[in-house]
Amino acid sequence: MKRLLCAASAACSLLLAVSAPAETLGSVDTAFQFLGPDHKVVVEVFDDPRVAGVSCYLSRAKTGGIKGAIGLAEDKAESSVACRQVGALSFSAPLPLQEEVFTERASLFFKHVRVVRMVDVKRNALVYLVYSDRLVDGSPKNSVTAVAVPANQPVPTRRK
């Protein structure tokens, strides 16, 4: 049991090390709250940690009010992602066919917004999926985007 716990901890640490940090670009208020910050939609950007030249723009709901101000609110499972080539593409190493590239808390406990990169080998494209999960019950609400890689530059892949 102790070994299993150590392995799980190491795997979580590795995932967190690979995840990219996000930079907030801005936000818009969606509902006035008398006490605490308003409910809003936040737009963030992060660079793919293993693919230079790709940036992902993420919009998601942020709950305001008193609970939101003190970090106890649970954000809605509503988000969208758009990834674009913003520079010359280069790969730091062969990519796994599927890998989490971003994660952020959406509540104090158990809920996260996650972005996963998948490699479409047949079409030479990078596909990014955003979704929200919970320890017990995740949400089927999601968004997907793709970045085409030039045909003369095949995506290097590795099997997990």
N, C-alpha and C. Protein backbone atom coordinates (compact mmCIF):
# COMPACT_ATOMS: atom_id res chain seq x y z
N MET A 1 0.83 -1.19 0.00
CA MET A 1 0.00 0.00 0.00
C MET A 1 0.87 1.25 0.00
N LYS A 2 1.95 1.21 0.79
CA LYS A 2 2.85 2.36 0.88
C LYS A 2 3.50 2.62 -0.48
N ARG A 3 3.90 1.56 -1.18
CA ARG A 3 4.51 1.71 -2.51
C ARG A 3 3.51 2.31 -3.49
N LEU A 4 2.25 1.87 -3.42
CA LEU A 4 1.20 2.39 -4.30
C LEU A 4 1.01 3.88 -4.07
N LEU A 5 1.00 4.28 -2.80
CA LEU A 5 0.85 5.68 -2.45
C LEU A 5 2.02 6.50 -2.97
N CYS A 6 3.23 6.00 -2.83
CA CYS A 6 4.42 6.69 -3.33
C CYS A 6 4.39 6.80 -4.85
N ALA A 7 3.97 5.75 -5.54
CA ALA A 7 3.88 5.77 -7.00
C ALA A 7 2.85 6.77 -7.46
N ALA A 8 1.70 6.82 -6.78
CA ALA A 8 0.65 7.78 -7.14
C ALA A 8 1.13 9.20 -6.91
N SER A 9 1.84 9.43 -5.83
CA SER A 9 2.38 10.75 -5.54
C SER A 9 3.40 11.18 -6.59
N ALA A 10 4.26 10.26 -6.99
CA ALA A 10 5.26 10.56 -8.02
C ALA A 10 4.59 10.86 -9.36
N ALA A 11 3.55 10.11 -9.70
CA ALA A 11 2.83 10.34 -10.96
C ALA A 11 2.17 11.71 -10.95
N CYS A 12 1.56 12.09 -9.83
CA CYS A 12 0.94 13.41 -9.72
C CYS A 12 1.98 14.51 -9.84
N SER A 13 3.13 14.32 -9.22
CA SER A 13 4.20 15.31 -9.30
C SER A 13 4.68 15.48 -10.73
N LEU A 14 4.80 14.37 -11.46
CA LEU A 14 5.22 14.42 -12.85
C LEU A 14 4.21 15.17 -13.70
N LEU A 15 2.92 14.89 -13.50
CA LEU A 15 1.87 15.58 -14.25
C LEU A 15 1.91 17.07 -13.97
N LEU A 16 2.09 17.44 -12.71
CA LEU A 16 2.13 18.86 -12.37
C LEU A 16 3.36 19.53 -12.96
N ALA A 17 4.45 18.80 -13.06
CA ALA A 17 5.68 19.38 -13.62
C ALA A 17 5.52 19.64 -15.11
N VAL A 18 4.74 18.81 -15.80
CA VAL A 18 4.55 18.97 -17.24
C VAL A 18 3.52 20.04 -17.55
N SER A 19 2.52 20.22 -16.68
CA SER A 19 1.46 21.19 -16.94
C SER A 19 2.03 22.60 -17.06
N ALA A 20 1.47 23.34 -18.00
CA ALA A 20 1.93 24.69 -18.24
C ALA A 20 1.18 25.68 -17.35
N PRO A 21 1.86 26.73 -16.87
CA PRO A 21 1.14 27.76 -16.12
C PRO A 21 0.38 28.66 -17.09
N ALA A 22 -0.73 29.22 -16.63
CA ALA A 22 -1.53 30.10 -17.49
C ALA A 22 -1.33 31.56 -17.10
N GLU A 23 -1.46 32.42 -18.08
CA GLU A 23 -1.38 33.86 -17.89
C GLU A 23 -2.78 34.42 -18.17
N THR A 24 -3.33 35.19 -17.25
CA THR A 24 -4.65 35.77 -17.45
C THR A 24 -4.55 36.96 -18.40
N LEU A 25 -5.35 36.92 -19.47
CA LEU A 25 -5.37 38.02 -20.43
C LEU A 25 -6.41 39.06 -20.05
N GLY A 26 -7.53 38.62 -19.48
CA GLY A 26 -8.59 39.53 -19.11
C GLY A 26 -9.82 38.77 -18.68
N SER A 27 -10.87 39.53 -18.36
CA SER A 27 -12.12 38.91 -17.93
C SER A 27 -13.27 39.87 -18.18
N VAL A 28 -14.48 39.30 -18.22
CA VAL A 28 -15.70 40.11 -18.32
C VAL A 28 -16.65 39.64 -17.23
N ASP A 29 -17.35 40.60 -16.62
CA ASP A 29 -18.34 40.25 -15.60
C ASP A 29 -19.59 39.72 -16.26
N THR A 30 -20.18 38.69 -15.66
CA THR A 30 -21.41 38.12 -16.21
C THR A 30 -22.60 38.28 -15.27
N ALA A 31 -22.36 38.49 -13.99
CA ALA A 31 -23.45 38.69 -13.03
C ALA A 31 -22.93 39.49 -11.84
N PHE A 32 -23.68 40.51 -11.48
CA PHE A 32 -23.32 41.36 -10.34
C PHE A 32 -23.54 40.60 -9.04
N GLN A 33 -22.61 40.72 -8.11
CA GLN A 33 -22.74 40.16 -6.77
C GLN A 33 -22.63 41.31 -5.78
N PHE A 34 -23.63 41.45 -4.91
CA PHE A 34 -23.64 42.54 -3.95
C PHE A 34 -22.44 42.45 -3.01
N LEU A 35 -22.15 41.24 -2.55
CA LEU A 35 -21.00 41.03 -1.67
C LEU A 35 -19.97 40.17 -2.39
N GLY A 36 -18.75 40.62 -2.43
CA GLY A 36 -17.68 39.87 -3.08
C GLY A 36 -17.58 40.20 -4.56
N PRO A 37 -16.63 39.55 -5.25
CA PRO A 37 -16.45 39.83 -6.68
C PRO A 37 -17.63 39.30 -7.51
N ASP A 38 -17.82 39.89 -8.67
CA ASP A 38 -18.87 39.44 -9.59
C ASP A 38 -18.50 38.09 -10.19
N HIS A 39 -19.53 37.36 -10.69
CA HIS A 39 -19.26 36.17 -11.49
C HIS A 39 -18.65 36.67 -12.80
N LYS A 40 -17.76 35.90 -13.41
CA LYS A 40 -17.10 36.38 -14.62
C LYS A 40 -16.67 35.23 -15.51
N VAL A 41 -16.28 35.58 -16.72
CA VAL A 41 -15.61 34.67 -17.63
C VAL A 41 -14.18 35.20 -17.77
N VAL A 42 -13.22 34.33 -17.53
CA VAL A 42 -11.80 34.69 -17.56
C VAL A 42 -11.18 34.08 -18.81
N VAL A 43 -10.31 34.84 -19.47
CA VAL A 43 -9.56 34.34 -20.62
C VAL A 43 -8.09 34.25 -20.22
N GLU A 44 -7.54 33.04 -20.38
CA GLU A 44 -6.15 32.78 -20.04
C GLU A 44 -5.44 32.20 -21.25
N VAL A 45 -4.12 32.29 -21.25
CA VAL A 45 -3.31 31.70 -22.31
C VAL A 45 -2.17 30.93 -21.67
N PHE A 46 -1.84 29.79 -22.28
CA PHE A 46 -0.66 29.03 -21.86
C PHE A 46 0.00 28.45 -23.10
N ASP A 47 1.30 28.26 -23.02
CA ASP A 47 2.06 27.67 -24.12
C ASP A 47 2.16 26.17 -23.88
N ASP A 48 2.06 25.40 -24.95
CA ASP A 48 2.22 23.95 -24.83
C ASP A 48 3.64 23.70 -24.32
N PRO A 49 3.79 22.98 -23.21
CA PRO A 49 5.12 22.80 -22.63
C PRO A 49 6.10 21.98 -23.46
N ARG A 50 5.60 21.19 -24.42
CA ARG A 50 6.50 20.34 -25.23
C ARG A 50 6.51 20.71 -26.71
N VAL A 51 5.67 21.68 -27.09
CA VAL A 51 5.62 22.07 -28.50
C VAL A 51 5.80 23.59 -28.57
N ALA A 52 7.02 24.01 -28.88
CA ALA A 52 7.28 25.44 -29.03
C ALA A 52 6.52 25.94 -30.25
N GLY A 53 5.92 27.11 -30.12
CA GLY A 53 5.18 27.70 -31.23
C GLY A 53 3.68 27.46 -31.17
N VAL A 54 3.18 26.79 -30.13
CA VAL A 54 1.74 26.59 -29.96
C VAL A 54 1.31 27.21 -28.63
N SER A 55 0.29 28.08 -28.71
CA SER A 55 -0.32 28.67 -27.52
C SER A 55 -1.80 28.32 -27.51
N CYS A 56 -2.33 28.10 -26.32
CA CYS A 56 -3.75 27.76 -26.15
C CYS A 56 -4.44 28.84 -25.34
N TYR A 57 -5.58 29.27 -25.85
CA TYR A 57 -6.40 30.28 -25.21
C TYR A 57 -7.59 29.58 -24.57
N LEU A 58 -7.77 29.80 -23.28
CA LEU A 58 -8.78 29.09 -22.51
C LEU A 58 -9.73 30.12 -21.91
N SER A 59 -11.03 29.96 -22.13
CA SER A 59 -12.01 30.80 -21.45
C SER A 59 -12.80 29.90 -20.52
N ARG A 60 -13.08 30.42 -19.31
CA ARG A 60 -13.82 29.60 -18.35
C ARG A 60 -14.53 30.48 -17.33
N ALA A 61 -15.58 29.90 -16.76
CA ALA A 61 -16.38 30.61 -15.76
C ALA A 61 -15.65 30.66 -14.43
N LYS A 62 -15.74 31.79 -13.76
CA LYS A 62 -15.20 31.95 -12.40
C LYS A 62 -16.34 32.47 -11.52
N THR A 63 -16.63 31.73 -10.46
CA THR A 63 -17.71 32.09 -9.55
C THR A 63 -17.26 33.18 -8.59
N GLY A 64 -18.10 34.18 -8.42
CA GLY A 64 -17.79 35.29 -7.52
C GLY A 64 -18.51 35.14 -6.19
N GLY A 65 -18.95 36.27 -5.66
CA GLY A 65 -19.63 36.28 -4.37
C GLY A 65 -18.66 36.05 -3.23
N ILE A 66 -19.20 35.86 -2.06
CA ILE A 66 -18.37 35.66 -0.87
C ILE A 66 -17.58 34.36 -0.98
N LYS A 67 -18.26 33.28 -1.43
CA LYS A 67 -17.56 31.99 -1.56
C LYS A 67 -16.42 32.09 -2.57
N GLY A 68 -16.65 32.80 -3.66
CA GLY A 68 -15.61 32.97 -4.67
C GLY A 68 -14.44 33.77 -4.14
N ALA A 69 -14.73 34.77 -3.32
CA ALA A 69 -13.68 35.64 -2.78
C ALA A 69 -12.76 34.88 -1.83
N ILE A 70 -13.31 33.91 -1.09
CA ILE A 70 -12.47 33.19 -0.12
C ILE A 70 -12.04 31.81 -0.63
N GLY A 71 -12.37 31.51 -1.89
CA GLY A 71 -11.88 30.28 -2.50
C GLY A 71 -12.70 29.04 -2.20
N LEU A 72 -13.95 29.20 -1.76
CA LEU A 72 -14.79 28.04 -1.44
C LEU A 72 -15.82 27.73 -2.52
N ALA A 73 -15.93 28.58 -3.53
CA ALA A 73 -16.93 28.37 -4.59
C ALA A 73 -16.46 27.29 -5.56
N GLU A 74 -17.43 26.64 -6.18
CA GLU A 74 -17.13 25.67 -7.22
C GLU A 74 -17.47 26.31 -8.56
N ASP A 75 -16.47 26.47 -9.43
CA ASP A 75 -16.72 27.07 -10.74
C ASP A 75 -17.53 26.13 -11.61
N LYS A 76 -18.34 26.70 -12.49
CA LYS A 76 -19.13 25.89 -13.41
C LYS A 76 -18.21 25.15 -14.38
N ALA A 77 -18.68 24.02 -14.85
CA ALA A 77 -17.91 23.20 -15.79
C ALA A 77 -18.14 23.69 -17.21
N GLU A 78 -17.90 24.95 -17.44
CA GLU A 78 -18.11 25.54 -18.75
C GLU A 78 -16.82 26.23 -19.17
N SER A 79 -16.18 25.68 -20.20
CA SER A 79 -14.93 26.27 -20.67
C SER A 79 -14.77 25.99 -22.16
N SER A 80 -13.89 26.74 -22.77
CA SER A 80 -13.62 26.60 -24.19
C SER A 80 -12.13 26.77 -24.42
N VAL A 81 -11.59 26.10 -25.44
CA VAL A 81 -10.17 26.20 -25.73
C VAL A 81 -9.98 26.44 -27.23
N ALA A 82 -9.00 27.26 -27.56
CA ALA A 82 -8.60 27.50 -28.95
C ALA A 82 -7.08 27.56 -28.97
N CYS A 83 -6.45 26.58 -29.61
CA CYS A 83 -4.99 26.55 -29.69
C CYS A 83 -4.56 26.96 -31.10
N ARG A 84 -3.50 27.72 -31.18
CA ARG A 84 -3.03 28.25 -32.46
C ARG A 84 -1.51 28.17 -32.56
N GLN A 85 -1.04 28.07 -33.79
CA GLN A 85 0.38 28.16 -34.04
C GLN A 85 0.74 29.64 -34.00
N VAL A 86 1.65 30.02 -33.11
CA VAL A 86 2.02 31.42 -32.95
C VAL A 86 3.49 31.67 -33.28
N GLY A 87 4.18 30.63 -33.72
CA GLY A 87 5.59 30.73 -34.07
C GLY A 87 6.02 29.46 -34.78
N ALA A 88 7.31 29.36 -35.03
CA ALA A 88 7.83 28.15 -35.67
C ALA A 88 7.63 26.96 -34.74
N LEU A 89 7.12 25.86 -35.29
CA LEU A 89 6.88 24.67 -34.47
C LEU A 89 8.17 23.89 -34.27
N SER A 90 8.41 23.50 -33.02
CA SER A 90 9.51 22.59 -32.73
C SER A 90 9.12 21.74 -31.52
N PHE A 91 9.60 20.52 -31.51
CA PHE A 91 9.25 19.56 -30.49
C PHE A 91 10.47 19.28 -29.62
N SER A 92 10.30 19.40 -28.30
CA SER A 92 11.43 19.18 -27.39
C SER A 92 11.81 17.71 -27.30
N ALA A 93 10.86 16.83 -27.60
CA ALA A 93 11.09 15.37 -27.55
C ALA A 93 9.90 14.71 -28.22
N PRO A 94 9.98 13.43 -28.53
CA PRO A 94 8.80 12.74 -29.07
C PRO A 94 7.63 12.86 -28.09
N LEU A 95 6.43 13.06 -28.63
CA LEU A 95 5.24 13.26 -27.82
C LEU A 95 4.49 11.96 -27.58
N PRO A 96 3.94 11.79 -26.38
CA PRO A 96 3.02 10.66 -26.19
C PRO A 96 1.76 10.92 -27.02
N LEU A 97 1.03 9.89 -27.36
CA LEU A 97 -0.18 10.07 -28.16
C LEU A 97 -1.24 10.86 -27.43
N GLN A 98 -1.19 10.88 -26.10
CA GLN A 98 -2.14 11.66 -25.29
C GLN A 98 -1.44 12.11 -24.03
N GLU A 99 -1.58 13.41 -23.69
CA GLU A 99 -0.90 13.95 -22.52
C GLU A 99 -1.62 15.17 -21.99
N GLU A 100 -1.76 15.26 -20.68
CA GLU A 100 -2.33 16.46 -20.06
C GLU A 100 -1.30 17.58 -20.13
N VAL A 101 -1.71 18.74 -20.64
CA VAL A 101 -0.78 19.86 -20.77
C VAL A 101 -1.14 21.04 -19.88
N PHE A 102 -2.33 20.98 -19.26
CA PHE A 102 -2.76 22.07 -18.38
C PHE A 102 -3.77 21.54 -17.39
N THR A 103 -3.67 21.98 -16.14
CA THR A 103 -4.68 21.68 -15.13
C THR A 103 -4.74 22.83 -14.15
N GLU A 104 -5.96 23.12 -13.70
CA GLU A 104 -6.14 24.17 -12.71
C GLU A 104 -7.36 23.84 -11.86
N ARG A 105 -7.31 24.18 -10.59
CA ARG A 105 -8.43 23.94 -9.69
C ARG A 105 -9.67 24.69 -10.13
N ALA A 106 -10.83 24.07 -9.98
CA ALA A 106 -12.10 24.73 -10.23
C ALA A 106 -12.95 24.75 -8.96
N SER A 107 -12.43 24.21 -7.87
CA SER A 107 -13.06 24.28 -6.55
C SER A 107 -11.98 24.00 -5.52
N LEU A 108 -12.35 24.20 -4.26
CA LEU A 108 -11.37 23.99 -3.19
C LEU A 108 -10.87 22.55 -3.18
N PHE A 109 -11.78 21.60 -3.39
CA PHE A 109 -11.42 20.18 -3.40
C PHE A 109 -12.00 19.49 -4.62
N PHE A 110 -11.27 18.57 -5.18
CA PHE A 110 -11.76 17.54 -6.08
C PHE A 110 -12.13 17.95 -7.51
N LYS A 111 -12.22 19.21 -7.88
CA LYS A 111 -12.65 19.57 -9.23
C LYS A 111 -11.54 20.35 -9.93
N HIS A 112 -11.28 19.98 -11.20
CA HIS A 112 -10.24 20.63 -11.99
C HIS A 112 -10.72 20.88 -13.41
N VAL A 113 -10.13 21.89 -14.03
CA VAL A 113 -10.25 22.10 -15.48
C VAL A 113 -8.97 21.53 -16.06
N ARG A 114 -9.10 20.69 -17.08
CA ARG A 114 -7.93 20.03 -17.66
C ARG A 114 -7.92 20.21 -19.18
N VAL A 115 -6.71 20.35 -19.73
CA VAL A 115 -6.53 20.36 -21.18
C VAL A 115 -5.59 19.21 -21.51
N VAL A 116 -6.03 18.38 -22.45
CA VAL A 116 -5.26 17.21 -22.88
C VAL A 116 -4.90 17.38 -24.35
N ARG A 117 -3.62 17.13 -24.67
CA ARG A 117 -3.18 17.14 -26.07
C ARG A 117 -3.19 15.71 -26.58
N MET A 118 -3.76 15.51 -27.77
CA MET A 118 -3.74 14.21 -28.44
C MET A 118 -3.08 14.42 -29.79
N VAL A 119 -2.34 13.42 -30.24
CA VAL A 119 -1.69 13.50 -31.55
C VAL A 119 -2.51 12.70 -32.56
N ASP A 120 -2.94 13.38 -33.62
CA ASP A 120 -3.62 12.72 -34.74
C ASP A 120 -2.53 12.42 -35.76
N VAL A 121 -1.95 11.23 -35.66
CA VAL A 121 -0.81 10.85 -36.49
C VAL A 121 -1.20 10.83 -37.97
N LYS A 122 -2.37 10.28 -38.28
CA LYS A 122 -2.81 10.15 -39.67
C LYS A 122 -2.91 11.51 -40.38
N ARG A 123 -3.37 12.53 -39.66
CA ARG A 123 -3.56 13.85 -40.26
C ARG A 123 -2.45 14.84 -39.89
N ASN A 124 -1.46 14.38 -39.14
CA ASN A 124 -0.34 15.21 -38.70
C ASN A 124 -0.84 16.49 -38.01
N ALA A 125 -1.65 16.28 -36.97
CA ALA A 125 -2.24 17.41 -36.25
C ALA A 125 -2.17 17.17 -34.75
N LEU A 126 -2.21 18.27 -34.01
CA LEU A 126 -2.28 18.24 -32.55
C LEU A 126 -3.70 18.64 -32.17
N VAL A 127 -4.36 17.82 -31.39
CA VAL A 127 -5.74 18.07 -30.98
C VAL A 127 -5.75 18.35 -29.48
N TYR A 128 -6.44 19.41 -29.08
CA TYR A 128 -6.50 19.80 -27.67
C TYR A 128 -7.95 19.75 -27.20
N LEU A 129 -8.18 19.08 -26.07
CA LEU A 129 -9.50 18.91 -25.48
C LEU A 129 -9.51 19.53 -24.09
N VAL A 130 -10.51 20.38 -23.81
CA VAL A 130 -10.68 20.91 -22.46
C VAL A 130 -11.94 20.29 -21.87
N TYR A 131 -11.84 19.89 -20.59
CA TYR A 131 -12.98 19.33 -19.88
C TYR A 131 -12.79 19.59 -18.39
N SER A 132 -13.84 19.32 -17.64
CA SER A 132 -13.79 19.48 -16.19
C SER A 132 -14.05 18.13 -15.55
N ASP A 133 -13.33 17.84 -14.48
CA ASP A 133 -13.57 16.57 -13.79
C ASP A 133 -13.76 16.80 -12.30
N ARG A 134 -14.37 15.82 -11.69
CA ARG A 134 -14.55 15.78 -10.26
C ARG A 134 -14.12 14.41 -9.79
N LEU A 135 -13.87 14.29 -8.50
CA LEU A 135 -13.46 13.00 -7.96
C LEU A 135 -14.52 11.93 -8.24
N VAL A 136 -15.81 12.28 -8.10
CA VAL A 136 -16.88 11.31 -8.27
C VAL A 136 -17.59 11.46 -9.61
N ASP A 137 -17.94 12.69 -9.99
CA ASP A 137 -18.80 12.90 -11.16
C ASP A 137 -18.29 14.08 -11.98
N GLY A 138 -17.69 13.81 -13.12
CA GLY A 138 -17.20 14.86 -14.00
C GLY A 138 -18.31 15.41 -14.87
N SER A 139 -17.97 16.31 -15.76
CA SER A 139 -18.96 16.92 -16.65
C SER A 139 -18.67 16.53 -18.09
N PRO A 140 -19.73 16.25 -18.87
CA PRO A 140 -19.51 15.95 -20.27
C PRO A 140 -19.29 17.20 -21.12
N LYS A 141 -19.45 18.39 -20.52
CA LYS A 141 -19.23 19.63 -21.28
C LYS A 141 -17.74 19.73 -21.61
N ASN A 142 -17.45 20.00 -22.89
CA ASN A 142 -16.06 20.03 -23.32
C ASN A 142 -15.94 20.90 -24.56
N SER A 143 -14.72 21.14 -24.97
CA SER A 143 -14.42 21.88 -26.18
C SER A 143 -13.15 21.30 -26.78
N VAL A 144 -13.06 21.33 -28.10
CA VAL A 144 -11.89 20.75 -28.77
C VAL A 144 -11.41 21.72 -29.85
N THR A 145 -10.11 21.70 -30.08
CA THR A 145 -9.49 22.50 -31.13
C THR A 145 -8.31 21.71 -31.68
N ALA A 146 -7.84 22.09 -32.85
CA ALA A 146 -6.71 21.36 -33.45
C ALA A 146 -5.73 22.35 -34.10
N VAL A 147 -4.47 21.95 -34.10
CA VAL A 147 -3.41 22.72 -34.76
C VAL A 147 -2.81 21.80 -35.81
N ALA A 148 -2.91 22.20 -37.08
CA ALA A 148 -2.32 21.42 -38.17
C ALA A 148 -0.81 21.64 -38.17
N VAL A 149 -0.08 20.56 -38.32
CA VAL A 149 1.38 20.63 -38.40
C VAL A 149 1.74 20.47 -39.88
N PRO A 150 2.66 21.28 -40.40
CA PRO A 150 3.01 21.16 -41.82
C PRO A 150 3.40 19.74 -42.20
N ALA A 151 3.01 19.33 -43.39
CA ALA A 151 3.24 17.96 -43.87
C ALA A 151 4.73 17.59 -43.89
N ASN A 152 5.60 18.57 -44.11
CA ASN A 152 7.04 18.28 -44.15
C ASN A 152 7.66 18.18 -42.76
N GLN A 153 6.85 18.27 -41.72
CA GLN A 153 7.34 18.20 -40.34
C GLN A 153 6.45 17.22 -39.55
N PRO A 154 6.66 15.92 -39.71
CA PRO A 154 5.83 14.95 -38.98
C PRO A 154 5.98 15.10 -37.47
N VAL A 155 4.87 14.93 -36.76
CA VAL A 155 4.90 15.02 -35.29
C VAL A 155 5.64 13.79 -34.76
N PRO A 156 6.73 14.00 -34.01
CA PRO A 156 7.43 12.85 -33.43
C PRO A 156 6.62 12.28 -32.27
N THR A 157 6.34 11.00 -32.28
CA THR A 157 5.52 10.40 -31.22
C THR A 157 6.24 9.26 -30.56
N ARG A 158 5.77 8.93 -29.38
CA ARG A 158 6.24 7.77 -28.65
C ARG A 158 5.03 7.12 -28.00
N ARG A 159 5.11 5.86 -27.81
CA ARG A 159 4.03 5.12 -27.14
C ARG A 159 4.25 5.20 -25.64
N LYS A 160 3.16 5.32 -24.87
CA LYS A 160 3.27 5.37 -23.40
C LYS A 160 3.54 4.03 -22.84
